[in-house]
Structure formats: structure tokens, C-alpha cells
């Protein structure tokens, strides 16, 4: 730590309301306890790193929520003692299709994972898992794809600049759009 190049210290200090928020996202009432303060799980480390980066960037709350719940869900399921009943996600394409239809209809709104999960009777963790199991991606990636498709449709039908389109969108949709376009070779949309 300090000036060492070999140590990187990252931590999340959670208040009780934050622990409760994660618990609701996982569909549990109590967090498990851990028998060790050291966990050798490279995949989980990468997921928490992605969460830290998303929290630091601070612009896409949908993605932040997804990463938060999924990382802690995996931590609890894989390493928690007395596992507090984090239920496995269903493998039900009908549920995912219903959520995708909602995303398409409301793509310009600031959607919340909790709202989407509640609409189909799942926890946020189960919703994320259902997406991964049935279509191989997360709700955030699916929503970003839907939003990009909508941008392309508008561009084909005469909206001259992405700036005009993005000004007509909510902050959440606009941030997601701005982040996604450079990844696809589009540059700054404004």
C-alpha cells in the first residue's frame, strides 16, 4: 500500500442502509458471515473492480446497481457461511422477453433494476441471472443495445445529429448512450 506498486487497496464500506439495499436486491433479509477475510476468487475480484470503476465514473446508475447486486450476490453465494437463501434465477425466456418488451417501450426513461425485477416477481440478482442464463448478457447490456438500436432507427429516419437525439433523452439514457458509442467506434455523440 502507500507507495508500493505491488499493492492495490480497494474497499467498500457499507452503511446499514446500503447493506439493506443489497439485501433487497438479493431477496434476503440477513447477510451471511464470512470465516475468512481473504478470498481467492479472481472472477469475483474482477467483478468488484468493475463495480469500483463504475462507481468512480458515476454516470450510469443502472449499470452501477447491476454490478453492485451481482458482485455481492456472487460473494454471498460462493463464500458466505450460513448462506441466507439467495435463490437461483429462473431459466425462463418468457420473463426475460417481458422485461425486454418493457425496456423497448420505456428505453428513454431512467429505468431501475428493482422496478423491472419487481414487475416479474424476482429479486434484482435473480433478474440479472435470468438474463445471463437465457440470452447470455445482462439487463444493462440489453438496455444499451436497445437504446443504440433506437438511435440508429432515428438516424435512418432523418434526425440529423446524435446531439439532437440525445438532448431529447433522459440523463440515464443519454449517459448510457454516450458511454456505448465510443466503444462501437462512434466517438463523442454530441
C-alpha atoms as a PDB file:
ATOM      1  CA  UNK A   1       0.000   0.000   0.000  1.00  0.00           C
ATOM      2  CA  UNK A   2       1.316   3.520   0.398  1.00  0.00           C
ATOM      3  CA  UNK A   3       3.864   3.922  -2.381  1.00  0.00           C
ATOM      4  CA  UNK A   4       4.132   0.225  -3.248  1.00  0.00           C
ATOM      5  CA  UNK A   5       3.393  -0.781  -6.840  1.00  0.00           C
ATOM      6  CA  UNK A   6       2.516  -4.291  -5.683  1.00  0.00           C
ATOM      7  CA  UNK A   7      -0.461  -3.405  -3.501  1.00  0.00           C
ATOM      8  CA  UNK A   8      -3.778  -2.009  -4.623  1.00  0.00           C
ATOM      9  CA  UNK A   9      -6.251  -1.387  -1.847  1.00  0.00           C
ATOM     10  CA  UNK A  10      -9.888  -1.184  -2.729  1.00  0.00           C
ATOM     11  CA  UNK A  11     -12.716  -1.493  -0.292  1.00  0.00           C
ATOM     12  CA  UNK A  12     -16.377  -0.724   0.089  1.00  0.00           C
ATOM     13  CA  UNK A  13     -17.503   0.470   3.495  1.00  0.00           C
ATOM     14  CA  UNK A  14     -21.216  -0.117   3.644  1.00  0.00           C
ATOM     15  CA  UNK A  15     -23.670   1.602   5.951  1.00  0.00           C
ATOM     16  CA  UNK A  16     -26.654  -0.370   7.238  1.00  0.00           C
ATOM     17  CA  UNK A  17     -28.997   1.215   4.663  1.00  0.00           C
ATOM     18  CA  UNK A  18     -26.564   0.094   1.935  1.00  0.00           C
ATOM     19  CA  UNK A  19     -26.466  -3.449   3.346  1.00  0.00           C
ATOM     20  CA  UNK A  20     -30.277  -3.429   3.421  1.00  0.00           C
ATOM     21  CA  UNK A  21     -30.377  -2.177  -0.196  1.00  0.00           C
ATOM     22  CA  UNK A  22     -28.109  -5.030  -1.317  1.00  0.00           C
ATOM     23  CA  UNK A  23     -30.183  -7.498   0.697  1.00  0.00           C
ATOM     24  CA  UNK A  24     -33.361  -6.348  -1.066  1.00  0.00           C
ATOM     25  CA  UNK A  25     -31.583  -6.730  -4.405  1.00  0.00           C
ATOM     26  CA  UNK A  26     -30.666 -10.293  -3.472  1.00  0.00           C
ATOM     27  CA  UNK A  27     -34.048 -11.113  -1.955  1.00  0.00           C
ATOM     28  CA  UNK A  28     -32.588 -11.836   1.504  1.00  0.00           C
ATOM     29  CA  UNK A  29     -33.169 -10.441   4.982  1.00  0.00           C
ATOM     30  CA  UNK A  30     -29.731 -11.001   6.521  1.00  0.00           C
ATOM     31  CA  UNK A  31     -26.198 -11.003   5.132  1.00  0.00           C
ATOM     32  CA  UNK A  32     -24.074 -14.108   5.653  1.00  0.00           C
ATOM     33  CA  UNK A  33     -20.955 -14.126   7.732  1.00  0.00           C
ATOM     34  CA  UNK A  34     -17.504 -14.990   6.431  1.00  0.00           C
ATOM     35  CA  UNK A  35     -14.993 -17.328   8.050  1.00  0.00           C
ATOM     36  CA  UNK A  36     -12.047 -15.701   6.304  1.00  0.00           C
ATOM     37  CA  UNK A  37     -11.145 -12.141   5.419  1.00  0.00           C
ATOM     38  CA  UNK A  38      -9.131 -13.363   2.414  1.00  0.00           C
ATOM     39  CA  UNK A  39     -10.901 -14.821  -0.597  1.00  0.00           C
ATOM     40  CA  UNK A  40      -9.036 -16.255  -3.586  1.00  0.00           C
ATOM     41  CA  UNK A  41     -11.563 -15.764  -6.374  1.00  0.00           C
ATOM     42  CA  UNK A  42     -10.158 -13.969  -9.429  1.00  0.00           C
ATOM     43  CA  UNK A  43     -13.564 -13.702 -11.124  1.00  0.00           C
ATOM     44  CA  UNK A  44     -15.075 -12.070  -8.053  1.00  0.00           C
ATOM     45  CA  UNK A  45     -12.112  -9.691  -7.740  1.00  0.00           C
ATOM     46  CA  UNK A  46     -12.679  -8.633 -11.367  1.00  0.00           C
ATOM     47  CA  UNK A  47     -16.399  -8.073 -10.701  1.00  0.00           C
ATOM     48  CA  UNK A  48     -15.662  -5.846  -7.699  1.00  0.00           C
ATOM     49  CA  UNK A  49     -13.041  -3.993  -9.739  1.00  0.00           C
ATOM     50  CA  UNK A  50     -15.669  -3.324 -12.419  1.00  0.00           C
ATOM     51  CA  UNK A  51     -18.037  -2.140  -9.693  1.00  0.00           C
ATOM     52  CA  UNK A  52     -15.413   0.256  -8.310  1.00  0.00           C
ATOM     53  CA  UNK A  53     -14.757   1.650 -11.787  1.00  0.00           C
ATOM     54  CA  UNK A  54     -18.485   2.143 -12.437  1.00  0.00           C
ATOM     55  CA  UNK A  55     -18.962   3.854  -9.070  1.00  0.00           C
ATOM     56  CA  UNK A  56     -15.969   6.086  -9.747  1.00  0.00           C
ATOM     57  CA  UNK A  57     -17.278   7.045 -13.226  1.00  0.00           C
ATOM     58  CA  UNK A  58     -20.604   7.820 -11.607  1.00  0.00           C
ATOM     59  CA  UNK A  59     -22.774   8.363 -14.678  1.00  0.00           C
ATOM     60  CA  UNK A  60     -24.785   5.157 -15.178  1.00  0.00           C
ATOM     61  CA  UNK A  61     -26.819   4.240 -12.102  1.00  0.00           C
ATOM     62  CA  UNK A  62     -28.477   1.274 -13.852  1.00  0.00           C
ATOM     63  CA  UNK A  63     -25.065  -0.307 -14.511  1.00  0.00           C
ATOM     64  CA  UNK A  64     -23.822   0.538 -11.011  1.00  0.00           C
ATOM     65  CA  UNK A  65     -26.839  -1.145  -9.430  1.00  0.00           C
ATOM     66  CA  UNK A  66     -26.456  -4.214 -11.630  1.00  0.00           C
ATOM     67  CA  UNK A  67     -22.756  -4.589 -10.825  1.00  0.00           C
ATOM     68  CA  UNK A  68     -23.335  -3.974  -7.092  1.00  0.00           C
ATOM     69  CA  UNK A  69     -26.047  -6.583  -6.665  1.00  0.00           C
ATOM     70  CA  UNK A  70     -24.401  -9.191  -8.882  1.00  0.00           C
ATOM     71  CA  UNK A  71     -20.955  -8.883  -7.266  1.00  0.00           C
ATOM     72  CA  UNK A  72     -22.354  -9.146  -3.740  1.00  0.00           C
ATOM     73  CA  UNK A  73     -24.711 -11.934  -4.800  1.00  0.00           C
ATOM     74  CA  UNK A  74     -21.801 -13.977  -6.094  1.00  0.00           C
ATOM     75  CA  UNK A  75     -19.761 -13.175  -2.977  1.00  0.00           C
ATOM     76  CA  UNK A  76     -22.584 -14.356  -0.707  1.00  0.00           C
ATOM     77  CA  UNK A  77     -23.384 -17.489  -2.728  1.00  0.00           C
ATOM     78  CA  UNK A  78     -19.772 -18.564  -3.252  1.00  0.00           C
ATOM     79  CA  UNK A  79     -18.164 -17.618   0.058  1.00  0.00           C
ATOM     80  CA  UNK A  80     -20.779 -16.736   2.675  1.00  0.00           C
ATOM     81  CA  UNK A  81     -21.322 -19.072   5.615  1.00  0.00           C
ATOM     82  CA  UNK A  82     -24.856 -19.982   6.542  1.00  0.00           C
ATOM     83  CA  UNK A  83     -25.877 -18.931   3.033  1.00  0.00           C
ATOM     84  CA  UNK A  84     -29.044 -16.926   3.591  1.00  0.00           C
ATOM     85  CA  UNK A  85     -31.155 -18.315   0.799  1.00  0.00           C
ATOM     86  CA  UNK A  86     -30.113 -16.317  -2.272  1.00  0.00           C
ATOM     87  CA  UNK A  87     -32.438 -18.037  -4.726  1.00  0.00           C
ATOM     88  CA  UNK A  88     -31.164 -19.123  -8.119  1.00  0.00           C
ATOM     89  CA  UNK A  89     -32.508 -17.216 -11.100  1.00  0.00           C
ATOM     90  CA  UNK A  90     -35.104 -18.911 -13.270  1.00  0.00           C
ATOM     91  CA  UNK A  91     -34.325 -20.110 -16.756  1.00  0.00           C
ATOM     92  CA  UNK A  92     -37.499 -18.627 -18.198  1.00  0.00           C
ATOM     93  CA  UNK A  93     -37.341 -16.880 -21.538  1.00  0.00           C
ATOM     94  CA  UNK A  94     -40.915 -15.585 -21.126  1.00  0.00           C
ATOM     95  CA  UNK A  95     -39.867 -13.479 -18.116  1.00  0.00           C
ATOM     96  CA  UNK A  96     -36.859 -12.060 -19.964  1.00  0.00           C
ATOM     97  CA  UNK A  97     -38.957 -11.301 -23.046  1.00  0.00           C
ATOM     98  CA  UNK A  98     -41.476  -9.432 -20.881  1.00  0.00           C
ATOM     99  CA  UNK A  99     -38.690  -7.320 -19.367  1.00  0.00           C
ATOM    100  CA  UNK A 100     -37.156  -6.708 -22.813  1.00  0.00           C
ATOM    101  CA  UNK A 101     -40.570  -5.510 -24.049  1.00  0.00           C
ATOM    102  CA  UNK A 102     -40.710  -3.096 -21.093  1.00  0.00           C
ATOM    103  CA  UNK A 103     -37.184  -1.885 -21.877  1.00  0.00           C
ATOM    104  CA  UNK A 104     -38.113  -1.278 -25.519  1.00  0.00           C
ATOM    105  CA  UNK A 105     -41.264   0.612 -24.562  1.00  0.00           C
ATOM    106  CA  UNK A 106     -39.504   2.719 -21.920  1.00  0.00           C
ATOM    107  CA  UNK A 107     -35.928   2.911 -23.281  1.00  0.00           C
ATOM    108  CA  UNK A 108     -35.767   6.704 -22.968  1.00  0.00           C
ATOM    109  CA  UNK A 109     -36.710   6.657 -19.281  1.00  0.00           C
ATOM    110  CA  UNK A 110     -34.378   6.280 -16.330  1.00  0.00           C
ATOM    111  CA  UNK A 111     -35.217   2.630 -15.677  1.00  0.00           C
ATOM    112  CA  UNK A 112     -34.472   0.968 -12.354  1.00  0.00           C
ATOM    113  CA  UNK A 113     -33.426  -2.659 -11.987  1.00  0.00           C
ATOM    114  CA  UNK A 114     -35.518  -3.012  -8.836  1.00  0.00           C
ATOM    115  CA  UNK A 115     -38.617  -1.865 -10.683  1.00  0.00           C
ATOM    116  CA  UNK A 116     -38.020  -4.301 -13.551  1.00  0.00           C
ATOM    117  CA  UNK A 117     -37.345  -7.190 -11.149  1.00  0.00           C
ATOM    118  CA  UNK A 118     -40.410  -6.464  -9.018  1.00  0.00           C
ATOM    119  CA  UNK A 119     -42.607  -6.407 -12.129  1.00  0.00           C
ATOM    120  CA  UNK A 120     -41.807 -10.078 -12.722  1.00  0.00           C
ATOM    121  CA  UNK A 121     -41.620 -11.207  -9.081  1.00  0.00           C
ATOM    122  CA  UNK A 122     -37.829 -11.577  -8.909  1.00  0.00           C
ATOM    123  CA  UNK A 123     -35.022 -10.086  -6.883  1.00  0.00           C
ATOM    124  CA  UNK A 124     -32.551  -7.935  -8.821  1.00  0.00           C
ATOM    125  CA  UNK A 125     -29.962 -10.735  -8.502  1.00  0.00           C
ATOM    126  CA  UNK A 126     -32.411 -13.243  -9.981  1.00  0.00           C
ATOM    127  CA  UNK A 127     -33.274 -10.857 -12.825  1.00  0.00           C
ATOM    128  CA  UNK A 128     -29.598 -10.421 -13.743  1.00  0.00           C
ATOM    129  CA  UNK A 129     -29.079 -14.185 -13.558  1.00  0.00           C
ATOM    130  CA  UNK A 130     -32.181 -14.862 -15.659  1.00  0.00           C
ATOM    131  CA  UNK A 131     -30.827 -12.581 -18.390  1.00  0.00           C
ATOM    132  CA  UNK A 132     -27.411 -14.238 -18.274  1.00  0.00           C
ATOM    133  CA  UNK A 133     -28.927 -17.741 -18.353  1.00  0.00           C
ATOM    134  CA  UNK A 134     -31.428 -17.146 -21.140  1.00  0.00           C
ATOM    135  CA  UNK A 135     -29.869 -14.598 -23.502  1.00  0.00           C
ATOM    136  CA  UNK A 136     -26.246 -14.616 -22.355  1.00  0.00           C
ATOM    137  CA  UNK A 137     -25.983 -10.977 -21.308  1.00  0.00           C
ATOM    138  CA  UNK A 138     -27.013  -8.618 -18.521  1.00  0.00           C
ATOM    139  CA  UNK A 139     -30.000  -6.258 -18.371  1.00  0.00           C
ATOM    140  CA  UNK A 140     -27.632  -3.269 -18.681  1.00  0.00           C
ATOM    141  CA  UNK A 141     -26.090  -4.573 -21.907  1.00  0.00           C
ATOM    142  CA  UNK A 142     -29.541  -5.415 -23.275  1.00  0.00           C
ATOM    143  CA  UNK A 143     -30.856  -1.918 -22.468  1.00  0.00           C
ATOM    144  CA  UNK A 144     -27.800  -0.277 -24.014  1.00  0.00           C
ATOM    145  CA  UNK A 145     -28.320  -2.373 -27.160  1.00  0.00           C
ATOM    146  CA  UNK A 146     -31.996  -1.352 -27.301  1.00  0.00           C
ATOM    147  CA  UNK A 147     -31.046   2.311 -26.912  1.00  0.00           C
ATOM    148  CA  UNK A 148     -28.395   2.098 -29.624  1.00  0.00           C
ATOM    149  CA  UNK A 149     -30.859   0.432 -31.982  1.00  0.00           C
ATOM    150  CA  UNK A 150     -33.301   3.263 -31.300  1.00  0.00           C
ATOM    151  CA  UNK A 151     -30.606   5.835 -32.122  1.00  0.00           C
ATOM    152  CA  UNK A 152     -29.852   4.060 -35.400  1.00  0.00           C
ATOM    153  CA  UNK A 153     -33.562   3.947 -36.258  1.00  0.00           C
ATOM    154  CA  UNK A 154     -33.883   7.697 -35.614  1.00  0.00           C
ATOM    155  CA  UNK A 155     -30.792   8.435 -37.696  1.00  0.00           C
ATOM    156  CA  UNK A 156     -32.179   6.419 -40.602  1.00  0.00           C
ATOM    157  CA  UNK A 157     -35.408   8.427 -40.374  1.00  0.00           C
ATOM    158  CA  UNK A 158     -33.990  11.907 -40.512  1.00  0.00           C
ATOM    159  CA  UNK A 159     -32.713  13.072 -37.145  1.00  0.00           C
ATOM    160  CA  UNK A 160     -29.550  14.731 -38.369  1.00  0.00           C
ATOM    161  CA  UNK A 161     -27.299  14.568 -35.317  1.00  0.00           C
ATOM    162  CA  UNK A 162     -26.914  12.415 -32.271  1.00  0.00           C
ATOM    163  CA  UNK A 163     -26.782  15.628 -30.260  1.00  0.00           C
ATOM    164  CA  UNK A 164     -30.392  16.394 -31.225  1.00  0.00           C
ATOM    165  CA  UNK A 165     -31.429  12.891 -30.268  1.00  0.00           C
ATOM    166  CA  UNK A 166     -29.505  12.769 -27.004  1.00  0.00           C
ATOM    167  CA  UNK A 167     -30.899  16.132 -25.893  1.00  0.00           C
ATOM    168  CA  UNK A 168     -34.368  14.596 -26.105  1.00  0.00           C
ATOM    169  CA  UNK A 169     -33.470  11.702 -23.771  1.00  0.00           C
ATOM    170  CA  UNK A 170     -33.295  11.368 -20.018  1.00  0.00           C
ATOM    171  CA  UNK A 171     -29.974  11.661 -18.223  1.00  0.00           C
ATOM    172  CA  UNK A 172     -29.703   7.883 -17.692  1.00  0.00           C
ATOM    173  CA  UNK A 173     -30.351   7.035 -21.311  1.00  0.00           C
ATOM    174  CA  UNK A 174     -28.063   9.820 -22.501  1.00  0.00           C
ATOM    175  CA  UNK A 175     -25.183   8.695 -20.250  1.00  0.00           C
ATOM    176  CA  UNK A 176     -25.570   5.108 -21.386  1.00  0.00           C
ATOM    177  CA  UNK A 177     -25.652   6.225 -25.000  1.00  0.00           C
ATOM    178  CA  UNK A 178     -22.581   8.444 -24.640  1.00  0.00           C
ATOM    179  CA  UNK A 179     -20.624   5.619 -22.987  1.00  0.00           C
ATOM    180  CA  UNK A 180     -21.643   2.999 -25.533  1.00  0.00           C
ATOM    181  CA  UNK A 181     -20.971   4.872 -28.751  1.00  0.00           C
ATOM    182  CA  UNK A 182     -17.187   5.281 -28.454  1.00  0.00           C
ATOM    183  CA  UNK A 183     -16.953   1.548 -27.721  1.00  0.00           C
ATOM    184  CA  UNK A 184     -18.577   0.954 -31.079  1.00  0.00           C
ATOM    185  CA  UNK A 185     -16.349   3.366 -32.973  1.00  0.00           C
ATOM    186  CA  UNK A 186     -18.792   6.249 -32.876  1.00  0.00           C
ATOM    187  CA  UNK A 187     -16.869   8.922 -30.985  1.00  0.00           C
ATOM    188  CA  UNK A 188     -18.492  11.663 -28.976  1.00  0.00           C
ATOM    189  CA  UNK A 189     -22.227  11.762 -29.775  1.00  0.00           C
ATOM    190  CA  UNK A 190     -22.518  15.466 -29.004  1.00  0.00           C
END
